[in-house]
Amino acid sequence: MFNIHLVREPWKDIPTARALGKLADDLRETQGSEPSDQALRDITGLSIERVRRFRYVLTLPVEWQEYINDDTIPLNFFWS
């Protein structure tokens, strides 16, 4: 699903990160453990680097996530 939508139209970073977080939550509930970045990559078709960035952005304060969402600050500002 992720890959199909990304080919059709690029998603903004924060909505994609939140969708990935929801998927990780759902997998955690059904599998009983935290899904690996590799497992999320296999399911979504996103690169391992994007999975890691999106998972990282969800650890940032909500205020910072909103800066990214509003294009005030790019996601790569928080990623070294």
Protein backbone atom coordinates (compact mmCIF):
# COMPACT_ATOMS: atom_id res chain seq x y z
CA MET A 1 0.00 0.00 0.00
CA PHE A 2 2.73 2.47 0.93
CA ASN A 3 4.70 1.85 -2.24
CA ILE A 4 1.69 2.10 -4.54
CA HIS A 5 0.68 5.46 -3.08
CA LEU A 6 4.25 6.80 -3.13
CA VAL A 7 4.55 6.00 -6.82
CA ARG A 8 1.25 7.69 -7.57
CA GLU A 9 1.83 10.75 -5.39
CA PRO A 10 4.57 11.48 -2.84
CA TRP A 11 3.28 11.57 0.72
CA LYS A 12 4.32 14.20 3.18
CA ASP A 13 6.74 12.96 5.82
CA ILE A 14 4.62 13.29 8.96
CA PRO A 15 1.46 11.57 7.65
CA THR A 16 3.65 8.76 6.30
CA ALA A 17 5.51 8.48 9.61
CA ARG A 18 2.23 8.33 11.50
CA ALA A 19 0.83 5.67 9.15
CA LEU A 20 4.01 3.65 9.63
CA GLY A 21 3.69 4.09 13.40
CA LYS A 22 0.10 2.82 13.27
CA LEU A 23 1.22 -0.18 11.26
CA ALA A 24 3.98 -0.88 13.80
CA ASP A 25 1.43 -0.61 16.63
CA ASP A 26 -0.92 -3.03 14.87
CA LEU A 27 1.90 -5.51 14.29
CA ARG A 28 3.02 -5.19 17.91
CA GLU A 29 -0.49 -6.05 19.07
CA THR A 30 -0.89 -9.04 16.77
CA GLN A 31 2.66 -10.41 17.04
CA GLY A 32 3.36 -9.49 20.64
CA SER A 33 6.72 -7.86 19.87
CA GLU A 34 8.15 -4.73 18.33
CA PRO A 35 8.43 -5.11 14.53
CA SER A 36 11.93 -4.64 13.16
CA ASP A 37 12.82 -1.97 10.64
CA GLN A 38 13.43 -4.79 8.16
CA ALA A 39 9.95 -6.23 8.72
CA LEU A 40 8.38 -2.81 8.15
CA ARG A 41 10.48 -2.37 5.02
CA ASP A 42 9.32 -5.72 3.70
CA ILE A 43 5.66 -4.89 4.35
CA THR A 44 5.66 -1.31 3.07
CA GLY A 45 8.25 -1.34 0.31
CA LEU A 46 9.88 1.75 1.83
CA SER A 47 13.65 1.81 2.01
CA ILE A 48 15.20 0.82 5.32
CA GLU A 49 16.55 4.38 5.62
CA ARG A 50 13.07 5.89 5.26
CA VAL A 51 11.63 3.45 7.78
CA ARG A 52 14.32 4.47 10.27
CA ARG A 53 13.77 8.17 9.65
CA PHE A 54 10.01 7.89 10.00
CA ARG A 55 10.29 5.87 13.18
CA TYR A 56 12.74 8.42 14.56
CA VAL A 57 10.52 11.39 13.73
CA LEU A 58 7.75 9.85 15.85
CA THR A 59 10.04 10.13 18.88
CA LEU A 60 10.33 13.90 18.44
CA PRO A 61 8.08 16.27 20.39
CA VAL A 62 4.75 16.89 18.68
CA GLU A 63 5.64 20.56 18.25
CA TRP A 64 8.71 19.60 16.21
CA GLN A 65 6.66 17.14 14.17
CA GLU A 66 4.32 20.00 13.31
CA TYR A 67 7.29 22.10 12.10
CA ILE A 68 8.15 19.26 9.75
CA ASN A 69 4.53 18.85 8.68
CA ASP A 70 4.19 22.58 7.97
CA ASP A 71 7.45 22.55 5.98
CA THR A 72 8.92 25.06 8.43
CA ILE A 73 11.84 22.71 9.13
CA PRO A 74 12.79 19.78 6.88
CA LEU A 75 12.90 16.29 8.34
CA ASN A 76 16.59 15.95 7.51
CA PHE A 77 17.31 18.83 9.91
CA PHE A 78 16.69 16.35 12.76
CA TRP A 79 18.56 13.48 11.10
CA SER A 80 22.34 13.40 11.01
